[in-house]
Each structure stands twice: as C-alpha cells, then as structure tokens.
Amino acid sequence: MMFPDIQLLHAAIVLAEELNFSRAAERLHIQQPTLSRQILKLESQIGVRLFVRNHQNVELTEAGRHFVEGARTVLQDVEHVVLSTSAVFHGADEFLNIGKSHIQIRFW
C-alpha cells in the first residue's frame, strides 16, 4: 500500500470543509482540475472513495469522515514534530505548545 503525501491529506481536509471543489481549490491556491486529480489520486492510493460528487454536490462518505478526522490528527502531529525539532535545533530545552501558540523555552 502506498501512503499519501501531506499535500493530498491537506487537499482532502479542505475539500471536506468546503464541500465545493471551486472554493476548496481557491483556498488551496490551485486550479479546480488540479484538486480533482489530487482527490482521485488520494482515493486511488488508499483504495477508498472519500467523496461522493456530481456536478452540483460534494459529500463525504462515512469512510471519508473517518479519513479526514485522522488526517487532521496526522497534520497536527507533523506540525508539532517540525516545530519542536526546530526549537531543539535553536537551543530550546523545552517546547510548549498551547493551542496554536508555540513557545520555546531556554534554560541556562
């Protein structure tokens, strides 16, 4: 099984929030056909249909709801790892994450 990259996870999350390809593509700063290809690639990679779509509507499948919930957690974890690694690199002894705020603490 091939695991999707972060860009595809992010695309699925934004589409799930917007439930509209045009608005989601605009938020992602890409063209709508590019977003459509990304979602098809993601669904192909994981072997699951995440969205039901036609020319007027986009809806999450039950599997899609589960996937998007997990994808949000994965992206939060990746953000935490990147920020905490940067903090350690820059000399912080501790890294405190409160909501969306990130605090680096140095002890001498």
PDB file of N, CA and C in Angstrom:
ATOM      1  N   MET A   1       0.847  -1.183   0.000  1.00  0.00           N
ATOM      2  CA  MET A   1       0.000   0.000   0.000  1.00  0.00           C
ATOM      3  C   MET A   1       0.886   1.238   0.000  1.00  0.00           C
ATOM      4  N   MET A   2       0.527   2.180  -0.822  1.00  0.00           N
ATOM      5  CA  MET A   2       1.244   3.449  -0.886  1.00  0.00           C
ATOM      6  C   MET A   2       0.536   4.461   0.020  1.00  0.00           C
ATOM      7  N   PHE A   3       1.322   5.149   0.850  1.00  0.00           N
ATOM      8  CA  PHE A   3       0.731   6.135   1.739  1.00  0.00           C
ATOM      9  C   PHE A   3       0.740   7.508   1.078  1.00  0.00           C
ATOM     10  N   PRO A   4      -0.349   8.265   1.224  1.00  0.00           N
ATOM     11  CA  PRO A   4      -0.442   9.579   0.575  1.00  0.00           C
ATOM     12  C   PRO A   4       0.471  10.599   1.233  1.00  0.00           C
ATOM     13  N   ASP A   5       0.876  11.586   0.435  1.00  0.00           N
ATOM     14  CA  ASP A   5       1.702  12.644   0.991  1.00  0.00           C
ATOM     15  C   ASP A   5       0.833  13.691   1.687  1.00  0.00           C
ATOM     16  N   ILE A   6       1.490  14.576   2.397  1.00  0.00           N
ATOM     17  CA  ILE A   6       0.803  15.580   3.208  1.00  0.00           C
ATOM     18  C   ILE A   6      -0.080  16.487   2.360  1.00  0.00           C
ATOM     19  N   GLN A   7       0.377  16.811   1.165  1.00  0.00           N
ATOM     20  CA  GLN A   7      -0.389  17.695   0.286  1.00  0.00           C
ATOM     21  C   GLN A   7      -1.765  17.091  -0.025  1.00  0.00           C
ATOM     22  N   LEU A   8      -1.818  15.786  -0.224  1.00  0.00           N
ATOM     23  CA  LEU A   8      -3.097  15.138  -0.519  1.00  0.00           C
ATOM     24  C   LEU A   8      -3.993  15.106   0.712  1.00  0.00           C
ATOM     25  N   LEU A   9      -3.396  14.912   1.882  1.00  0.00           N
ATOM     26  CA  LEU A   9      -4.188  14.953   3.118  1.00  0.00           C
ATOM     27  C   LEU A   9      -4.805  16.334   3.297  1.00  0.00           C
ATOM     28  N   HIS A  10      -3.997  17.352   3.083  1.00  0.00           N
ATOM     29  CA  HIS A  10      -4.477  18.726   3.227  1.00  0.00           C
ATOM     30  C   HIS A  10      -5.605  19.015   2.230  1.00  0.00           C
ATOM     31  N   ALA A  11      -5.462  18.557   1.006  1.00  0.00           N
ATOM     32  CA  ALA A  11      -6.495  18.765  -0.017  1.00  0.00           C
ATOM     33  C   ALA A  11      -7.812  18.127   0.424  1.00  0.00           C
ATOM     34  N   ALA A  12      -7.753  16.930   0.963  1.00  0.00           N
ATOM     35  CA  ALA A  12      -8.976  16.243   1.413  1.00  0.00           C
ATOM     36  C   ALA A  12      -9.633  16.990   2.567  1.00  0.00           C
ATOM     37  N   ILE A  13      -8.823  17.496   3.487  1.00  0.00           N
ATOM     38  CA  ILE A  13      -9.368  18.237   4.627  1.00  0.00           C
ATOM     39  C   ILE A  13     -10.080  19.499   4.155  1.00  0.00           C
ATOM     40  N   VAL A  14      -9.445  20.249   3.280  1.00  0.00           N
ATOM     41  CA  VAL A  14     -10.048  21.494   2.797  1.00  0.00           C
ATOM     42  C   VAL A  14     -11.314  21.201   2.000  1.00  0.00           C
ATOM     43  N   LEU A  15     -11.287  20.188   1.149  1.00  0.00           N
ATOM     44  CA  LEU A  15     -12.500  19.835   0.401  1.00  0.00           C
ATOM     45  C   LEU A  15     -13.611  19.411   1.354  1.00  0.00           C
ATOM     46  N   ALA A  16     -13.273  18.673   2.395  1.00  0.00           N
ATOM     47  CA  ALA A  16     -14.286  18.258   3.376  1.00  0.00           C
ATOM     48  C   ALA A  16     -14.892  19.461   4.088  1.00  0.00           C
ATOM     49  N   GLU A  17     -14.090  20.485   4.328  1.00  0.00           N
ATOM     50  CA  GLU A  17     -14.593  21.690   4.987  1.00  0.00           C
ATOM     51  C   GLU A  17     -15.471  22.514   4.056  1.00  0.00           C
ATOM     52  N   GLU A  18     -15.105  22.602   2.801  1.00  0.00           N
ATOM     53  CA  GLU A  18     -15.832  23.432   1.843  1.00  0.00           C
ATOM     54  C   GLU A  18     -16.988  22.705   1.164  1.00  0.00           C
ATOM     55  N   LEU A  19     -16.813  21.404   0.932  1.00  0.00           N
ATOM     56  CA  LEU A  19     -17.775  20.602   0.164  1.00  0.00           C
ATOM     57  C   LEU A  19     -18.103  21.256  -1.183  1.00  0.00           C
ATOM     58  N   ASN A  20     -17.066  21.857  -1.755  1.00  0.00           N
ATOM     59  CA  ASN A  20     -17.187  22.520  -3.051  1.00  0.00           C
ATOM     60  C   ASN A  20     -15.781  22.589  -3.653  1.00  0.00           C
ATOM     61  N   PHE A  21     -15.618  21.995  -4.840  1.00  0.00           N
ATOM     62  CA  PHE A  21     -14.292  21.926  -5.448  1.00  0.00           C
ATOM     63  C   PHE A  21     -13.732  23.307  -5.775  1.00  0.00           C
ATOM     64  N   SER A  22     -14.560  24.196  -6.271  1.00  0.00           N
ATOM     65  CA  SER A  22     -14.061  25.527  -6.646  1.00  0.00           C
ATOM     66  C   SER A  22     -13.560  26.308  -5.436  1.00  0.00           C
ATOM     67  N   ARG A  23     -14.361  26.335  -4.368  1.00  0.00           N
ATOM     68  CA  ARG A  23     -13.952  27.062  -3.156  1.00  0.00           C
ATOM     69  C   ARG A  23     -12.733  26.409  -2.503  1.00  0.00           C
ATOM     70  N   ALA A  24     -12.711  25.080  -2.482  1.00  0.00           N
ATOM     71  CA  ALA A  24     -11.565  24.380  -1.896  1.00  0.00           C
ATOM     72  C   ALA A  24     -10.299  24.663  -2.695  1.00  0.00           C
ATOM     73  N   ALA A  25     -10.404  24.624  -4.016  1.00  0.00           N
ATOM     74  CA  ALA A  25      -9.242  24.904  -4.871  1.00  0.00           C
ATOM     75  C   ALA A  25      -8.752  26.326  -4.646  1.00  0.00           C
ATOM     76  N   GLU A  26      -9.663  27.245  -4.503  1.00  0.00           N
ATOM     77  CA  GLU A  26      -9.283  28.640  -4.251  1.00  0.00           C
ATOM     78  C   GLU A  26      -8.525  28.757  -2.933  1.00  0.00           C
ATOM     79  N   ARG A  27      -9.019  28.108  -1.887  1.00  0.00           N
ATOM     80  CA  ARG A  27      -8.327  28.122  -0.592  1.00  0.00           C
ATOM     81  C   ARG A  27      -6.936  27.513  -0.674  1.00  0.00           C
ATOM     82  N   LEU A  28      -6.794  26.501  -1.521  1.00  0.00           N
ATOM     83  CA  LEU A  28      -5.509  25.814  -1.672  1.00  0.00           C
ATOM     84  C   LEU A  28      -4.582  26.510  -2.675  1.00  0.00           C
ATOM     85  N   HIS A  29      -5.092  27.541  -3.335  1.00  0.00           N
ATOM     86  CA  HIS A  29      -4.338  28.294  -4.347  1.00  0.00           C
ATOM     87  C   HIS A  29      -3.912  27.403  -5.515  1.00  0.00           C
ATOM     88  N   ILE A  30      -4.867  26.563  -5.937  1.00  0.00           N
ATOM     89  CA  ILE A  30      -4.647  25.708  -7.103  1.00  0.00           C
ATOM     90  C   ILE A  30      -5.888  25.777  -7.980  1.00  0.00           C
ATOM     91  N   GLN A  31      -5.789  25.231  -9.177  1.00  0.00           N
ATOM     92  CA  GLN A  31      -6.934  25.182 -10.083  1.00  0.00           C
ATOM     93  C   GLN A  31      -7.832  24.007  -9.705  1.00  0.00           C
ATOM     94  N   GLN A  32      -9.117  24.124  -9.995  1.00  0.00           N
ATOM     95  CA  GLN A  32     -10.080  23.078  -9.653  1.00  0.00           C
ATOM     96  C   GLN A  32      -9.731  21.731 -10.284  1.00  0.00           C
ATOM     97  N   PRO A  33      -9.300  21.676 -11.559  1.00  0.00           N
ATOM     98  CA  PRO A  33      -8.930  20.370 -12.111  1.00  0.00           C
ATOM     99  C   PRO A  33      -7.752  19.720 -11.368  1.00  0.00           C
ATOM    100  N   THR A  34      -6.836  20.538 -10.872  1.00  0.00           N
ATOM    101  CA  THR A  34      -5.710  20.003 -10.100  1.00  0.00           C
ATOM    102  C   THR A  34      -6.210  19.367  -8.811  1.00  0.00           C
ATOM    103  N   LEU A  35      -7.143  20.037  -8.138  1.00  0.00           N
ATOM    104  CA  LEU A  35      -7.718  19.480  -6.915  1.00  0.00           C
ATOM    105  C   LEU A  35      -8.453  18.180  -7.222  1.00  0.00           C
ATOM    106  N   SER A  36      -9.214  18.151  -8.301  1.00  0.00           N
ATOM    107  CA  SER A  36      -9.925  16.925  -8.678  1.00  0.00           C
ATOM    108  C   SER A  36      -8.952  15.767  -8.878  1.00  0.00           C
ATOM    109  N   ARG A  37      -7.837  16.040  -9.561  1.00  0.00           N
ATOM    110  CA  ARG A  37      -6.825  14.999  -9.777  1.00  0.00           C
ATOM    111  C   ARG A  37      -6.206  14.549  -8.455  1.00  0.00           C
ATOM    112  N   GLN A  38      -5.965  15.497  -7.557  1.00  0.00           N
ATOM    113  CA  GLN A  38      -5.387  15.145  -6.256  1.00  0.00           C
ATOM    114  C   GLN A  38      -6.318  14.227  -5.474  1.00  0.00           C
ATOM    115  N   ILE A  39      -7.600  14.549  -5.466  1.00  0.00           N
ATOM    116  CA  ILE A  39      -8.563  13.729  -4.719  1.00  0.00           C
ATOM    117  C   ILE A  39      -8.676  12.342  -5.354  1.00  0.00           C
ATOM    118  N   LEU A  40      -8.715  12.278  -6.676  1.00  0.00           N
ATOM    119  CA  LEU A  40      -8.750  10.970  -7.351  1.00  0.00           C
ATOM    120  C   LEU A  40      -7.496  10.157  -7.041  1.00  0.00           C
ATOM    121  N   LYS A  41      -6.345  10.812  -7.028  1.00  0.00           N
ATOM    122  CA  LYS A  41      -5.086  10.129  -6.708  1.00  0.00           C
ATOM    123  C   LYS A  41      -5.121   9.592  -5.280  1.00  0.00           C
ATOM    124  N   LEU A  42      -5.590  10.420  -4.348  1.00  0.00           N
ATOM    125  CA  LEU A  42      -5.689  10.004  -2.952  1.00  0.00           C
ATOM    126  C   LEU A  42      -6.603   8.792  -2.814  1.00  0.00           C
ATOM    127  N   GLU A  43      -7.787   8.882  -3.407  1.00  0.00           N
ATOM    128  CA  GLU A  43      -8.727   7.767  -3.321  1.00  0.00           C
ATOM    129  C   GLU A  43      -8.151   6.503  -3.950  1.00  0.00           C
ATOM    130  N   SER A  44      -7.424   6.656  -5.039  1.00  0.00           N
ATOM    131  CA  SER A  44      -6.793   5.518  -5.694  1.00  0.00           C
ATOM    132  C   SER A  44      -5.708   4.912  -4.801  1.00  0.00           C
ATOM    133  N   GLN A  45      -4.914   5.756  -4.176  1.00  0.00           N
ATOM    134  CA  GLN A  45      -3.825   5.268  -3.320  1.00  0.00           C
ATOM    135  C   GLN A  45      -4.336   4.482  -2.125  1.00  0.00           C
ATOM    136  N   ILE A  46      -5.415   4.942  -1.521  1.00  0.00           N
ATOM    137  CA  ILE A  46      -5.901   4.258  -0.323  1.00  0.00           C
ATOM    138  C   ILE A  46      -6.991   3.235  -0.641  1.00  0.00           C
ATOM    139  N   GLY A  47      -7.478   3.249  -1.871  1.00  0.00           N
ATOM    140  CA  GLY A  47      -8.468   2.260  -2.288  1.00  0.00           C
ATOM    141  C   GLY A  47      -9.849   2.446  -1.690  1.00  0.00           C
ATOM    142  N   VAL A  48     -10.173   3.701  -1.362  1.00  0.00           N
ATOM    143  CA  VAL A  48     -11.450   4.012  -0.714  1.00  0.00           C
ATOM    144  C   VAL A  48     -12.018   5.277  -1.321  1.00  0.00           C
ATOM    145  N   ARG A  49     -13.294   5.282  -1.569  1.00  0.00           N
ATOM    146  CA  ARG A  49     -13.958   6.501  -2.041  1.00  0.00           C
ATOM    147  C   ARG A  49     -14.273   7.381  -0.832  1.00  0.00           C
ATOM    148  N   LEU A  50     -13.717   8.579  -0.832  1.00  0.00           N
ATOM    149  CA  LEU A  50     -13.889   9.503   0.293  1.00  0.00           C
ATOM    150  C   LEU A  50     -15.022  10.488   0.083  1.00  0.00           C
ATOM    151  N   PHE A  51     -15.282  10.812  -1.177  1.00  0.00           N
ATOM    152  CA  PHE A  51     -16.285  11.819  -1.521  1.00  0.00           C
ATOM    153  C   PHE A  51     -17.239  11.261  -2.568  1.00  0.00           C
ATOM    154  N   VAL A  52     -18.503  11.605  -2.423  1.00  0.00           N
ATOM    155  CA  VAL A  52     -19.496  11.367  -3.463  1.00  0.00           C
ATOM    156  C   VAL A  52     -19.716  12.708  -4.121  1.00  0.00           C
ATOM    157  N   ARG A  53     -19.567  12.755  -5.435  1.00  0.00           N
ATOM    158  CA  ARG A  53     -19.683  14.042  -6.114  1.00  0.00           C
ATOM    159  C   ARG A  53     -20.418  13.904  -7.423  1.00  0.00           C
ATOM    160  N   ASN A  54     -21.085  14.997  -7.768  1.00  0.00           N
ATOM    161  CA  ASN A  54     -21.661  15.163  -9.093  1.00  0.00           C
ATOM    162  C   ASN A  54     -21.424  16.613  -9.481  1.00  0.00           C
ATOM    163  N   HIS A  55     -22.064  17.076 -10.509  1.00  0.00           N
ATOM    164  CA  HIS A  55     -21.790  18.445 -10.974  1.00  0.00           C
ATOM    165  C   HIS A  55     -22.249  19.515  -9.996  1.00  0.00           C
ATOM    166  N   GLN A  56     -23.127  19.164  -9.062  1.00  0.00           N
ATOM    167  CA  GLN A  56     -23.661  20.184  -8.160  1.00  0.00           C
ATOM    168  C   GLN A  56     -23.272  19.992  -6.697  1.00  0.00           C
ATOM    169  N   ASN A  57     -23.022  18.752  -6.280  1.00  0.00           N
ATOM    170  CA  ASN A  57     -22.807  18.472  -4.865  1.00  0.00           C
ATOM    171  C   ASN A  57     -21.535  17.673  -4.619  1.00  0.00           C
ATOM    172  N   VAL A  58     -20.970  17.897  -3.441  1.00  0.00           N
ATOM    173  CA  VAL A  58     -19.862  17.094  -2.929  1.00  0.00           C
ATOM    174  C   VAL A  58     -20.235  16.705  -1.506  1.00  0.00           C
ATOM    175  N   GLU A  59     -20.165  15.430  -1.204  1.00  0.00           N
ATOM    176  CA  GLU A  59     -20.464  14.946   0.138  1.00  0.00           C
ATOM    177  C   GLU A  59     -19.386  13.974   0.571  1.00  0.00           C
ATOM    178  N   LEU A  60     -19.115  13.950   1.852  1.00  0.00           N
ATOM    179  CA  LEU A  60     -18.190  12.973   2.408  1.00  0.00           C
ATOM    180  C   LEU A  60     -18.899  11.633   2.577  1.00  0.00           C
ATOM    181  N   THR A  61     -18.207  10.563   2.265  1.00  0.00           N
ATOM    182  CA  THR A  61     -18.715   9.242   2.615  1.00  0.00           C
ATOM    183  C   THR A  61     -18.426   9.022   4.098  1.00  0.00           C
ATOM    184  N   GLU A  62     -18.956   7.973   4.667  1.00  0.00           N
ATOM    185  CA  GLU A  62     -18.650   7.646   6.061  1.00  0.00           C
ATOM    186  C   GLU A  62     -17.149   7.391   6.220  1.00  0.00           C
ATOM    187  N   ALA A  63     -16.578   6.674   5.253  1.00  0.00           N
ATOM    188  CA  ALA A  63     -15.127   6.442   5.269  1.00  0.00           C
ATOM    189  C   ALA A  63     -14.379   7.766   5.135  1.00  0.00           C
ATOM    190  N   GLY A  64     -14.912   8.679   4.335  1.00  0.00           N
ATOM    191  CA  GLY A  64     -14.302   9.993   4.168  1.00  0.00           C
ATOM    192  C   GLY A  64     -14.279  10.780   5.464  1.00  0.00           C
ATOM    193  N   ARG A  65     -15.354  10.716   6.227  1.00  0.00           N
ATOM    194  CA  ARG A  65     -15.406  11.408   7.520  1.00  0.00           C
ATOM    195  C   ARG A  65     -14.314  10.860   8.452  1.00  0.00           C
ATOM    196  N   HIS A  66     -14.208   9.546   8.473  1.00  0.00           N
ATOM    197  CA  HIS A  66     -13.192   8.905   9.307  1.00  0.00           C
ATOM    198  C   HIS A  66     -11.788   9.308   8.846  1.00  0.00           C
ATOM    199  N   PHE A  67     -11.569   9.298   7.541  1.00  0.00           N
ATOM    200  CA  PHE A  67     -10.262   9.637   6.987  1.00  0.00           C
ATOM    201  C   PHE A  67      -9.879  11.077   7.316  1.00  0.00           C
ATOM    202  N   VAL A  68     -10.784  12.006   7.109  1.00  0.00           N
ATOM    203  CA  VAL A  68     -10.488  13.426   7.341  1.00  0.00           C
ATOM    204  C   VAL A  68     -10.188  13.678   8.817  1.00  0.00           C
ATOM    205  N   GLU A  69     -10.901  13.026   9.698  1.00  0.00           N
ATOM    206  CA  GLU A  69     -10.626  13.168  11.129  1.00  0.00           C
ATOM    207  C   GLU A  69      -9.196  12.710  11.438  1.00  0.00           C
ATOM    208  N   GLY A  70      -8.816  11.573  10.904  1.00  0.00           N
ATOM    209  CA  GLY A  70      -7.462  11.074  11.107  1.00  0.00           C
ATOM    210  C   GLY A  70      -6.415  11.941  10.430  1.00  0.00           C
ATOM    211  N   ALA A  71      -6.726  12.450   9.235  1.00  0.00           N
ATOM    212  CA  ALA A  71      -5.785  13.303   8.503  1.00  0.00           C
ATOM    213  C   ALA A  71      -5.503  14.583   9.281  1.00  0.00           C
ATOM    214  N   ARG A  72      -6.508  15.135   9.930  1.00  0.00           N
ATOM    215  CA  ARG A  72      -6.301  16.339  10.757  1.00  0.00           C
ATOM    216  C   ARG A  72      -5.311  16.039  11.889  1.00  0.00           C
ATOM    217  N   THR A  73      -5.469  14.891  12.514  1.00  0.00           N
ATOM    218  CA  THR A  73      -4.562  14.492  13.591  1.00  0.00           C
ATOM    219  C   THR A  73      -3.141  14.326  13.069  1.00  0.00           C
ATOM    220  N   VAL A  74      -3.003  13.691  11.919  1.00  0.00           N
ATOM    221  CA  VAL A  74      -1.679  13.492  11.319  1.00  0.00           C
ATOM    222  C   VAL A  74      -1.012  14.829  11.042  1.00  0.00           C
ATOM    223  N   LEU A  75      -1.736  15.774  10.443  1.00  0.00           N
ATOM    224  CA  LEU A  75      -1.148  17.082  10.136  1.00  0.00           C
ATOM    225  C   LEU A  75      -0.756  17.836  11.406  1.00  0.00           C
ATOM    226  N   GLN A  76      -1.556  17.725  12.450  1.00  0.00           N
ATOM    227  CA  GLN A  76      -1.206  18.357  13.725  1.00  0.00           C
ATOM    228  C   GLN A  76       0.065  17.739  14.293  1.00  0.00           C
ATOM    229  N   ASP A  77       0.175  16.412  14.184  1.00  0.00           N
ATOM    230  CA  ASP A  77       1.368  15.727  14.678  1.00  0.00           C
ATOM    231  C   ASP A  77       2.607  16.132  13.884  1.00  0.00           C
ATOM    232  N   VAL A  78       2.476  16.226  12.579  1.00  0.00           N
ATOM    233  CA  VAL A  78       3.603  16.638  11.740  1.00  0.00           C
ATOM    234  C   VAL A  78       4.026  18.056  12.107  1.00  0.00           C
ATOM    235  N   GLU A  79       3.069  18.954  12.273  1.00  0.00           N
ATOM    236  CA  GLU A  79       3.389  20.329  12.659  1.00  0.00           C
ATOM    237  C   GLU A  79       4.147  20.354  13.979  1.00  0.00           C
ATOM    238  N   HIS A  80       3.673  19.579  14.945  1.00  0.00           N
ATOM    239  CA  HIS A  80       4.331  19.542  16.251  1.00  0.00           C
ATOM    240  C   HIS A  80       5.767  19.031  16.133  1.00  0.00           C
ATOM    241  N   VAL A  81       5.968  17.967  15.377  1.00  0.00           N
ATOM    242  CA  VAL A  81       7.310  17.406  15.213  1.00  0.00           C
ATOM    243  C   VAL A  81       8.247  18.413  14.554  1.00  0.00           C
ATOM    244  N   VAL A  82       7.783  19.081  13.516  1.00  0.00           N
ATOM    245  CA  VAL A  82       8.621  20.054  12.817  1.00  0.00           C
ATOM    246  C   VAL A  82       8.969  21.225  13.735  1.00  0.00           C
ATOM    247  N   LEU A  83       7.979  21.769  14.423  1.00  0.00           N
ATOM    248  CA  LEU A  83       8.226  22.929  15.292  1.00  0.00           C
ATOM    249  C   LEU A  83       9.100  22.571  16.494  1.00  0.00           C
ATOM    250  N   SER A  84       8.853  21.422  17.096  1.00  0.00           N
ATOM    251  CA  SER A  84       9.659  21.038  18.255  1.00  0.00           C
ATOM    252  C   SER A  84      11.092  20.711  17.847  1.00  0.00           C
ATOM    253  N   THR A  85      11.279  20.126  16.677  1.00  0.00           N
ATOM    254  CA  THR A  85      12.624  19.856  16.176  1.00  0.00           C
ATOM    255  C   THR A  85      13.363  21.157  15.921  1.00  0.00           C
ATOM    256  N   SER A  86      12.688  22.122  15.346  1.00  0.00           N
ATOM    257  CA  SER A  86      13.292  23.433  15.112  1.00  0.00           C
ATOM    258  C   SER A  86      13.666  24.094  16.435  1.00  0.00           C
ATOM    259  N   ALA A  87      12.793  23.970  17.418  1.00  0.00           N
ATOM    260  CA  ALA A  87      13.072  24.560  18.733  1.00  0.00           C
ATOM    261  C   ALA A  87      14.321  23.945  19.350  1.00  0.00           C
ATOM    262  N   VAL A  88      14.443  22.624  19.276  1.00  0.00           N
ATOM    263  CA  VAL A  88      15.624  21.951  19.807  1.00  0.00           C
ATOM    264  C   VAL A  88      16.871  22.400  19.048  1.00  0.00           C
ATOM    265  N   PHE A  89      16.782  22.473  17.754  1.00  0.00           N
ATOM    266  CA  PHE A  89      17.910  22.909  16.935  1.00  0.00           C
ATOM    267  C   PHE A  89      18.379  24.307  17.329  1.00  0.00           C
ATOM    268  N   HIS A  90      17.434  25.162  17.665  1.00  0.00           N
ATOM    269  CA  HIS A  90      17.767  26.545  18.028  1.00  0.00           C
ATOM    270  C   HIS A  90      18.071  26.708  19.512  1.00  0.00           C
ATOM    271  N   GLY A  91      18.234  25.615  20.224  1.00  0.00           N
ATOM    272  CA  GLY A  91      18.709  25.680  21.598  1.00  0.00           C
ATOM    273  C   GLY A  91      17.670  25.646  22.691  1.00  0.00           C
ATOM    274  N   ALA A  92      16.417  25.438  22.364  1.00  0.00           N
ATOM    275  CA  ALA A  92      15.399  25.378  23.409  1.00  0.00           C
ATOM    276  C   ALA A  92      15.527  24.050  24.153  1.00  0.00           C
ATOM    277  N   ASP A  93      15.424  24.114  25.458  1.00  0.00           N
ATOM    278  CA  ASP A  93      15.441  22.893  26.256  1.00  0.00           C
ATOM    279  C   ASP A  93      14.044  22.299  26.383  1.00  0.00           C
ATOM    280  N   GLU A  94      13.059  23.124  26.228  1.00  0.00           N
ATOM    281  CA  GLU A  94      11.660  22.701  26.338  1.00  0.00           C
ATOM    282  C   GLU A  94      10.873  23.312  25.191  1.00  0.00           C
ATOM    283  N   PHE A  95       9.805  22.648  24.799  1.00  0.00           N
ATOM    284  CA  PHE A  95       8.913  23.162  23.768  1.00  0.00           C
ATOM    285  C   PHE A  95       7.502  23.017  24.296  1.00  0.00           C
ATOM    286  N   LEU A  96       6.818  24.126  24.432  1.00  0.00           N
ATOM    287  CA  LEU A  96       5.471  24.137  24.975  1.00  0.00           C
ATOM    288  C   LEU A  96       4.501  24.549  23.879  1.00  0.00           C
ATOM    289  N   ASN A  97       3.503  23.729  23.646  1.00  0.00           N
ATOM    290  CA  ASN A  97       2.514  24.013  22.616  1.00  0.00           C
ATOM    291  C   ASN A  97       1.173  24.222  23.305  1.00  0.00           C
ATOM    292  N   ILE A  98       0.669  25.453  23.243  1.00  0.00           N
ATOM    293  CA  ILE A  98      -0.627  25.778  23.835  1.00  0.00           C
ATOM    294  C   ILE A  98      -1.535  26.234  22.715  1.00  0.00           C
ATOM    295  N   GLY A  99      -2.467  25.387  22.335  1.00  0.00           N
ATOM    296  CA  GLY A  99      -3.352  25.712  21.215  1.00  0.00           C
ATOM    297  C   GLY A  99      -2.541  25.937  19.964  1.00  0.00           C
ATOM    298  N   LYS A 100      -2.664  27.118  19.372  1.00  0.00           N
ATOM    299  CA  LYS A 100      -1.918  27.462  18.169  1.00  0.00           C
ATOM    300  C   LYS A 100      -0.646  28.240  18.491  1.00  0.00           C
ATOM    301  N   SER A 101      -0.379  28.483  19.782  1.00  0.00           N
ATOM    302  CA  SER A 101       0.828  29.206  20.174  1.00  0.00           C
ATOM    303  C   SER A 101       1.950  28.218  20.430  1.00  0.00           C
ATOM    304  N   HIS A 102       3.149  28.590  20.050  1.00  0.00           N
ATOM    305  CA  HIS A 102       4.309  27.743  20.252  1.00  0.00           C
ATOM    306  C   HIS A 102       5.354  28.565  20.990  1.00  0.00           C
ATOM    307  N   ILE A 103       5.793  28.048  22.123  1.00  0.00           N
ATOM    308  CA  ILE A 103       6.731  28.763  22.966  1.00  0.00           C
ATOM    309  C   ILE A 103       8.003  27.927  23.098  1.00  0.00           C
ATOM    310  N   GLN A 104       9.138  28.551  22.843  1.00  0.00           N
ATOM    311  CA  GLN A 104      10.416  27.893  23.050  1.00  0.00           C
ATOM    312  C   GLN A 104      10.991  28.392  24.362  1.00  0.00           C
ATOM    313  N   ILE A 105      11.477  27.487  25.179  1.00  0.00           N
ATOM    314  CA  ILE A 105      11.998  27.857  26.498  1.00  0.00           C
ATOM    315  C   ILE A 105      13.465  27.438  26.584  1.00  0.00           C
ATOM    316  N   ARG A 106      14.305  28.358  26.970  1.00  0.00           N
ATOM    317  CA  ARG A 106      15.725  28.058  27.178  1.00  0.00           C
ATOM    318  C   ARG A 106      16.024  28.109  28.660  1.00  0.00           C
ATOM    319  N   PHE A 107      16.814  27.140  29.112  1.00  0.00           N
ATOM    320  CA  PHE A 107      17.291  27.143  30.491  1.00  0.00           C
ATOM    321  C   PHE A 107      18.810  27.236  30.465  1.00  0.00           C
ATOM    322  N   TRP A 108      19.370  28.078  31.321  1.00  0.00           N
ATOM    323  CA  TRP A 108      20.828  28.210  31.399  1.00  0.00           C
ATOM    324  C   TRP A 108      21.345  27.560  32.632  1.00  0.00           C
TER     325      TRP A 108
END
